[in-house]
Amino acid sequence: MITAVQSLDHTPRHAISEVAAVSGLTAHTLRWYERIGLLDPVDRSHSGQRRYCDADLSRLAFLGKLRLTGMSVADMLRYVELARAGDQTMEARRELLVAHREEVRQKIADLHATLAVLDYKIDIYSGKKHSA
């Protein structure tokens, strides 16, 4: 079975500066992600410079989405470790993502409630409502 990541080009071609620009991460963060295992070891050019492939970019894009939702680095690492372990971990990955989705939904609900309070205060200061 071929997955989306397996079908991506694994040819090392992107310099760290390119990947930093595309991902919004710093070069330091990219090296850290590799060091802690969020990224597989990155290929090197003949001069020792890191060269990232399209599969690395795809993983970074997904990790960026997870970070944006507030997922901890520890949970992101757990997900990556499960993914590396193969298809037999699909259910565990699904469970991890389902649990995180519930956390995200709760954060969204909390933000909506907070937004309502801000809207109320803005309306007061705009003269649309009277404070109690």
N, C-alpha and C. Protein backbone atom coordinates (compact mmCIF):
# COMPACT_ATOMS: atom_id res chain seq x y z
N MET A 1 0.84 -1.19 0.00
CA MET A 1 0.00 0.00 0.00
C MET A 1 0.88 1.25 0.00
N ILE A 2 0.63 2.16 -0.91
CA ILE A 2 1.40 3.39 -1.00
C ILE A 2 0.62 4.50 -0.31
N THR A 3 1.31 5.17 0.63
CA THR A 3 0.68 6.31 1.31
C THR A 3 1.10 7.59 0.62
N ALA A 4 0.45 8.68 1.01
CA ALA A 4 0.76 9.97 0.40
C ALA A 4 2.22 10.33 0.62
N VAL A 5 2.76 10.06 1.81
CA VAL A 5 4.15 10.41 2.08
C VAL A 5 5.08 9.56 1.24
N GLN A 6 4.75 8.26 1.04
CA GLN A 6 5.60 7.40 0.24
C GLN A 6 5.64 7.84 -1.22
N SER A 7 4.58 8.45 -1.69
CA SER A 7 4.53 8.85 -3.09
C SER A 7 5.20 10.19 -3.32
N LEU A 8 5.56 10.91 -2.26
CA LEU A 8 6.26 12.17 -2.41
C LEU A 8 7.70 11.92 -2.82
N ASP A 9 8.26 12.89 -3.51
CA ASP A 9 9.64 12.79 -3.96
C ASP A 9 10.58 12.87 -2.75
N HIS A 10 11.48 11.90 -2.65
CA HIS A 10 12.45 11.86 -1.55
C HIS A 10 13.83 12.35 -1.99
N THR A 11 13.89 13.03 -3.13
CA THR A 11 15.16 13.56 -3.61
C THR A 11 15.55 14.77 -2.78
N PRO A 12 16.71 14.74 -2.13
CA PRO A 12 17.12 15.89 -1.33
C PRO A 12 17.49 17.06 -2.23
N ARG A 13 16.75 18.17 -2.08
CA ARG A 13 16.99 19.29 -2.98
C ARG A 13 16.81 20.65 -2.34
N HIS A 14 16.15 20.73 -1.20
CA HIS A 14 15.83 22.03 -0.62
C HIS A 14 16.81 22.40 0.49
N ALA A 15 17.41 23.59 0.36
CA ALA A 15 18.32 24.08 1.38
C ALA A 15 17.53 24.49 2.62
N ILE A 16 18.19 24.54 3.76
CA ILE A 16 17.53 24.89 5.00
C ILE A 16 16.89 26.28 4.93
N SER A 17 17.52 27.20 4.20
CA SER A 17 16.96 28.55 4.08
C SER A 17 15.64 28.52 3.31
N GLU A 18 15.54 27.68 2.28
CA GLU A 18 14.29 27.53 1.53
C GLU A 18 13.19 26.96 2.43
N VAL A 19 13.55 25.92 3.17
CA VAL A 19 12.58 25.24 4.02
C VAL A 19 12.12 26.19 5.12
N ALA A 20 13.04 26.96 5.66
CA ALA A 20 12.67 27.95 6.68
C ALA A 20 11.69 28.96 6.12
N ALA A 21 11.94 29.43 4.91
CA ALA A 21 11.05 30.42 4.29
C ALA A 21 9.66 29.84 4.02
N VAL A 22 9.61 28.60 3.54
CA VAL A 22 8.34 27.97 3.20
C VAL A 22 7.55 27.59 4.45
N SER A 23 8.26 27.07 5.45
CA SER A 23 7.58 26.55 6.64
C SER A 23 7.29 27.61 7.69
N GLY A 24 8.02 28.72 7.64
CA GLY A 24 7.87 29.74 8.68
C GLY A 24 8.65 29.41 9.94
N LEU A 25 9.39 28.32 9.91
CA LEU A 25 10.22 27.93 11.05
C LEU A 25 11.63 28.48 10.86
N THR A 26 12.33 28.69 11.95
CA THR A 26 13.72 29.13 11.84
C THR A 26 14.61 27.94 11.53
N ALA A 27 15.80 28.22 11.04
CA ALA A 27 16.77 27.15 10.79
C ALA A 27 17.08 26.43 12.09
N HIS A 28 17.15 27.17 13.18
CA HIS A 28 17.40 26.56 14.49
C HIS A 28 16.30 25.55 14.84
N THR A 29 15.05 25.94 14.62
CA THR A 29 13.92 25.04 14.92
C THR A 29 13.96 23.82 14.02
N LEU A 30 14.30 23.99 12.75
CA LEU A 30 14.39 22.85 11.84
C LEU A 30 15.46 21.86 12.31
N ARG A 31 16.61 22.39 12.73
CA ARG A 31 17.66 21.50 13.24
C ARG A 31 17.20 20.81 14.52
N TRP A 32 16.47 21.53 15.38
CA TRP A 32 15.95 20.96 16.62
C TRP A 32 14.94 19.86 16.33
N TYR A 33 14.02 20.11 15.38
CA TYR A 33 13.05 19.09 14.98
C TYR A 33 13.77 17.81 14.55
N GLU A 34 14.84 17.97 13.81
CA GLU A 34 15.61 16.79 13.38
C GLU A 34 16.27 16.12 14.59
N ARG A 35 16.85 16.91 15.46
CA ARG A 35 17.57 16.36 16.62
C ARG A 35 16.64 15.57 17.55
N ILE A 36 15.40 16.07 17.77
CA ILE A 36 14.50 15.37 18.69
C ILE A 36 13.70 14.27 18.01
N GLY A 37 13.77 14.19 16.68
CA GLY A 37 13.13 13.10 15.97
C GLY A 37 11.81 13.43 15.29
N LEU A 38 11.41 14.70 15.28
CA LEU A 38 10.20 15.05 14.53
C LEU A 38 10.42 14.91 13.03
N LEU A 39 11.64 15.12 12.61
CA LEU A 39 12.02 14.88 11.21
C LEU A 39 13.01 13.73 11.18
N ASP A 40 12.94 12.95 10.12
CA ASP A 40 13.95 11.91 9.92
C ASP A 40 15.29 12.60 9.68
N PRO A 41 16.39 11.89 9.88
CA PRO A 41 17.69 12.51 9.60
C PRO A 41 17.71 13.07 8.18
N VAL A 42 18.13 14.29 8.06
CA VAL A 42 18.10 15.00 6.78
C VAL A 42 19.39 14.71 6.02
N ASP A 43 19.24 14.47 4.71
CA ASP A 43 20.41 14.25 3.87
C ASP A 43 21.29 15.49 3.87
N ARG A 44 22.54 15.27 3.52
CA ARG A 44 23.52 16.36 3.46
C ARG A 44 24.13 16.43 2.06
N SER A 45 24.46 17.64 1.68
CA SER A 45 25.18 17.83 0.41
C SER A 45 26.64 17.40 0.62
N HIS A 46 27.40 17.39 -0.45
CA HIS A 46 28.82 17.02 -0.34
C HIS A 46 29.58 17.95 0.60
N SER A 47 29.07 19.19 0.77
CA SER A 47 29.73 20.15 1.67
C SER A 47 29.14 20.12 3.08
N GLY A 48 28.20 19.19 3.33
CA GLY A 48 27.66 19.04 4.67
C GLY A 48 26.40 19.83 4.96
N GLN A 49 25.91 20.57 3.97
CA GLN A 49 24.69 21.35 4.19
C GLN A 49 23.46 20.45 4.10
N ARG A 50 22.51 20.72 4.97
CA ARG A 50 21.27 19.94 4.97
C ARG A 50 20.52 20.15 3.65
N ARG A 51 19.94 19.05 3.16
CA ARG A 51 19.11 19.08 1.96
C ARG A 51 17.82 18.33 2.27
N TYR A 52 16.72 19.04 2.24
CA TYR A 52 15.41 18.49 2.57
C TYR A 52 14.70 18.04 1.30
N CYS A 53 13.87 17.02 1.42
CA CYS A 53 13.09 16.54 0.28
C CYS A 53 11.63 16.97 0.43
N ASP A 54 10.84 16.69 -0.60
CA ASP A 54 9.42 17.06 -0.57
C ASP A 54 8.68 16.37 0.57
N ALA A 55 9.07 15.13 0.89
CA ALA A 55 8.43 14.41 2.00
C ALA A 55 8.67 15.15 3.32
N ASP A 56 9.87 15.72 3.49
CA ASP A 56 10.16 16.52 4.69
C ASP A 56 9.25 17.74 4.73
N LEU A 57 9.07 18.39 3.59
CA LEU A 57 8.20 19.58 3.53
C LEU A 57 6.77 19.21 3.88
N SER A 58 6.32 18.07 3.39
CA SER A 58 4.96 17.62 3.68
C SER A 58 4.79 17.36 5.19
N ARG A 59 5.76 16.68 5.79
CA ARG A 59 5.68 16.43 7.23
C ARG A 59 5.70 17.74 8.00
N LEU A 60 6.56 18.67 7.61
CA LEU A 60 6.63 19.96 8.30
C LEU A 60 5.31 20.72 8.19
N ALA A 61 4.66 20.64 7.05
CA ALA A 61 3.37 21.31 6.88
C ALA A 61 2.34 20.73 7.85
N PHE A 62 2.32 19.40 7.98
CA PHE A 62 1.38 18.77 8.90
C PHE A 62 1.73 19.09 10.34
N LEU A 63 3.01 19.03 10.68
CA LEU A 63 3.43 19.38 12.04
C LEU A 63 3.08 20.83 12.36
N GLY A 64 3.20 21.70 11.37
CA GLY A 64 2.83 23.10 11.57
C GLY A 64 1.36 23.25 11.91
N LYS A 65 0.52 22.47 11.25
CA LYS A 65 -0.92 22.49 11.55
C LYS A 65 -1.17 21.99 12.97
N LEU A 66 -0.48 20.92 13.35
CA LEU A 66 -0.65 20.40 14.71
C LEU A 66 -0.21 21.43 15.75
N ARG A 67 0.91 22.11 15.49
CA ARG A 67 1.38 23.14 16.43
C ARG A 67 0.37 24.28 16.50
N LEU A 68 -0.16 24.66 15.36
CA LEU A 68 -1.14 25.75 15.31
C LEU A 68 -2.36 25.43 16.16
N THR A 69 -2.70 24.16 16.26
CA THR A 69 -3.84 23.76 17.09
C THR A 69 -3.47 23.63 18.55
N GLY A 70 -2.20 23.83 18.86
CA GLY A 70 -1.77 23.76 20.25
C GLY A 70 -1.29 22.39 20.69
N MET A 71 -1.09 21.47 19.76
CA MET A 71 -0.58 20.15 20.16
C MET A 71 0.83 20.31 20.72
N SER A 72 1.09 19.61 21.79
CA SER A 72 2.41 19.67 22.41
C SER A 72 3.44 18.97 21.51
N VAL A 73 4.68 19.37 21.68
CA VAL A 73 5.76 18.73 20.94
C VAL A 73 5.83 17.25 21.32
N ALA A 74 5.57 16.93 22.58
CA ALA A 74 5.59 15.53 23.01
C ALA A 74 4.54 14.71 22.26
N ASP A 75 3.34 15.26 22.09
CA ASP A 75 2.30 14.54 21.34
C ASP A 75 2.63 14.47 19.86
N MET A 76 3.22 15.53 19.33
CA MET A 76 3.64 15.49 17.93
C MET A 76 4.69 14.40 17.74
N LEU A 77 5.61 14.30 18.67
CA LEU A 77 6.64 13.28 18.59
C LEU A 77 6.03 11.88 18.70
N ARG A 78 5.06 11.73 19.58
CA ARG A 78 4.36 10.45 19.70
C ARG A 78 3.71 10.07 18.37
N TYR A 79 3.05 11.03 17.73
CA TYR A 79 2.42 10.79 16.43
C TYR A 79 3.46 10.33 15.40
N VAL A 80 4.58 11.05 15.33
CA VAL A 80 5.63 10.73 14.35
C VAL A 80 6.20 9.34 14.63
N GLU A 81 6.41 9.03 15.90
CA GLU A 81 6.93 7.70 16.24
C GLU A 81 5.95 6.60 15.82
N LEU A 82 4.67 6.86 16.04
CA LEU A 82 3.66 5.89 15.61
C LEU A 82 3.66 5.74 14.09
N ALA A 83 3.76 6.85 13.38
CA ALA A 83 3.77 6.80 11.92
C ALA A 83 4.98 6.01 11.42
N ARG A 84 6.11 6.21 12.05
CA ARG A 84 7.32 5.46 11.65
C ARG A 84 7.15 3.96 11.88
N ALA A 85 6.35 3.61 12.87
CA ALA A 85 6.17 2.19 13.21
C ALA A 85 5.32 1.44 12.17
N GLY A 86 4.66 2.17 11.29
CA GLY A 86 3.95 1.52 10.20
C GLY A 86 2.44 1.48 10.34
N ASP A 87 1.84 0.80 9.38
CA ASP A 87 0.38 0.77 9.27
C ASP A 87 -0.32 0.14 10.46
N GLN A 88 0.37 -0.72 11.19
CA GLN A 88 -0.26 -1.34 12.35
C GLN A 88 -0.57 -0.33 13.45
N THR A 89 -0.07 0.90 13.33
CA THR A 89 -0.34 1.93 14.34
C THR A 89 -1.41 2.93 13.90
N MET A 90 -2.07 2.66 12.80
CA MET A 90 -3.06 3.61 12.29
C MET A 90 -4.15 3.91 13.31
N GLU A 91 -4.62 2.91 14.02
CA GLU A 91 -5.68 3.12 15.01
C GLU A 91 -5.17 3.99 16.16
N ALA A 92 -3.96 3.77 16.61
CA ALA A 92 -3.39 4.59 17.68
C ALA A 92 -3.21 6.03 17.23
N ARG A 93 -2.79 6.22 15.98
CA ARG A 93 -2.66 7.59 15.44
C ARG A 93 -4.03 8.25 15.36
N ARG A 94 -5.01 7.50 14.90
CA ARG A 94 -6.37 8.04 14.81
C ARG A 94 -6.86 8.46 16.19
N GLU A 95 -6.65 7.61 17.18
CA GLU A 95 -7.08 7.93 18.54
C GLU A 95 -6.39 9.19 19.08
N LEU A 96 -5.10 9.30 18.80
CA LEU A 96 -4.37 10.49 19.24
C LEU A 96 -4.97 11.75 18.61
N LEU A 97 -5.24 11.68 17.30
CA LEU A 97 -5.80 12.84 16.59
C LEU A 97 -7.23 13.13 17.03
N VAL A 98 -8.04 12.11 17.28
CA VAL A 98 -9.41 12.32 17.74
C VAL A 98 -9.40 13.01 19.10
N ALA A 99 -8.55 12.55 20.00
CA ALA A 99 -8.46 13.17 21.33
C ALA A 99 -8.02 14.62 21.20
N HIS A 100 -7.06 14.87 20.32
CA HIS A 100 -6.59 16.25 20.14
C HIS A 100 -7.68 17.11 19.50
N ARG A 101 -8.43 16.54 18.58
CA ARG A 101 -9.53 17.28 17.96
C ARG A 101 -10.52 17.76 19.01
N GLU A 102 -10.80 16.92 20.00
CA GLU A 102 -11.72 17.33 21.07
C GLU A 102 -11.16 18.51 21.86
N GLU A 103 -9.86 18.49 22.12
CA GLU A 103 -9.22 19.62 22.80
C GLU A 103 -9.34 20.89 21.95
N VAL A 104 -9.13 20.75 20.65
CA VAL A 104 -9.23 21.91 19.74
C VAL A 104 -10.66 22.44 19.74
N ARG A 105 -11.62 21.56 19.67
CA ARG A 105 -13.02 22.00 19.69
C ARG A 105 -13.35 22.76 20.97
N GLN A 106 -12.83 22.29 22.10
CA GLN A 106 -13.08 22.99 23.36
C GLN A 106 -12.41 24.36 23.35
N LYS A 107 -11.20 24.45 22.82
CA LYS A 107 -10.51 25.75 22.73
C LYS A 107 -11.30 26.71 21.84
N ILE A 108 -11.84 26.19 20.74
CA ILE A 108 -12.64 27.03 19.84
C ILE A 108 -13.88 27.53 20.57
N ALA A 109 -14.54 26.67 21.32
CA ALA A 109 -15.73 27.09 22.09
C ALA A 109 -15.34 28.15 23.11
N ASP A 110 -14.22 27.96 23.79
CA ASP A 110 -13.75 28.95 24.76
C ASP A 110 -13.44 30.28 24.07
N LEU A 111 -12.84 30.22 22.90
CA LEU A 111 -12.53 31.45 22.17
C LEU A 111 -13.80 32.16 21.70
N HIS A 112 -14.80 31.40 21.29
CA HIS A 112 -16.07 32.01 20.90
C HIS A 112 -16.71 32.75 22.08
N ALA A 113 -16.66 32.13 23.25
CA ALA A 113 -17.22 32.78 24.44
C ALA A 113 -16.43 34.04 24.78
N THR A 114 -15.13 33.97 24.66
CA THR A 114 -14.29 35.14 24.92
C THR A 114 -14.55 36.23 23.89
N LEU A 115 -14.74 35.86 22.66
CA LEU A 115 -15.04 36.82 21.60
C LEU A 115 -16.37 37.53 21.88
N ALA A 116 -17.34 36.81 22.39
CA ALA A 116 -18.63 37.42 22.73
C ALA A 116 -18.45 38.49 23.80
N VAL A 117 -17.60 38.23 24.77
CA VAL A 117 -17.33 39.22 25.82
C VAL A 117 -16.66 40.45 25.21
N LEU A 118 -15.69 40.23 24.34
CA LEU A 118 -15.03 41.36 23.68
C LEU A 118 -16.01 42.16 22.83
N ASP A 119 -16.85 41.47 22.07
CA ASP A 119 -17.86 42.16 21.26
C ASP A 119 -18.78 43.00 22.14
N TYR A 120 -19.19 42.46 23.27
CA TYR A 120 -20.06 43.18 24.20
C TYR A 120 -19.37 44.46 24.68
N LYS A 121 -18.12 44.35 25.09
CA LYS A 121 -17.39 45.52 25.57
C LYS A 121 -17.19 46.54 24.45
N ILE A 122 -16.88 46.08 23.26
CA ILE A 122 -16.71 46.99 22.13
C ILE A 122 -18.01 47.72 21.85
N ASP A 123 -19.14 47.00 21.91
CA ASP A 123 -20.45 47.63 21.71
C ASP A 123 -20.71 48.69 22.77
N ILE A 124 -20.33 48.43 24.01
CA ILE A 124 -20.49 49.43 25.08
C ILE A 124 -19.71 50.68 24.74
N TYR A 125 -18.44 50.51 24.35
CA TYR A 125 -17.58 51.66 24.06
C TYR A 125 -18.00 52.37 22.77
N SER A 126 -18.74 51.68 21.94
CA SER A 126 -19.25 52.30 20.70
C SER A 126 -20.61 52.97 20.92
N GLY A 127 -21.12 52.87 22.14
CA GLY A 127 -22.41 53.48 22.46
C GLY A 127 -23.60 52.65 22.03
N LYS A 128 -23.39 51.40 21.63
CA LYS A 128 -24.49 50.55 21.19
C LYS A 128 -25.18 49.88 22.35
N LYS A 129 -24.51 49.76 23.48
CA LYS A 129 -25.10 49.12 24.67
C LYS A 129 -24.75 49.97 25.87
N HIS A 130 -25.52 49.80 26.92
CA HIS A 130 -25.26 50.50 28.16
C HIS A 130 -24.71 49.49 29.17
N SER A 131 -23.66 49.89 29.87
CA SER A 131 -23.11 48.97 30.86
C SER A 131 -24.01 48.92 32.08
N ALA A 132 -23.97 47.78 32.74
CA ALA A 132 -24.82 47.59 33.92
C ALA A 132 -24.11 48.06 35.16
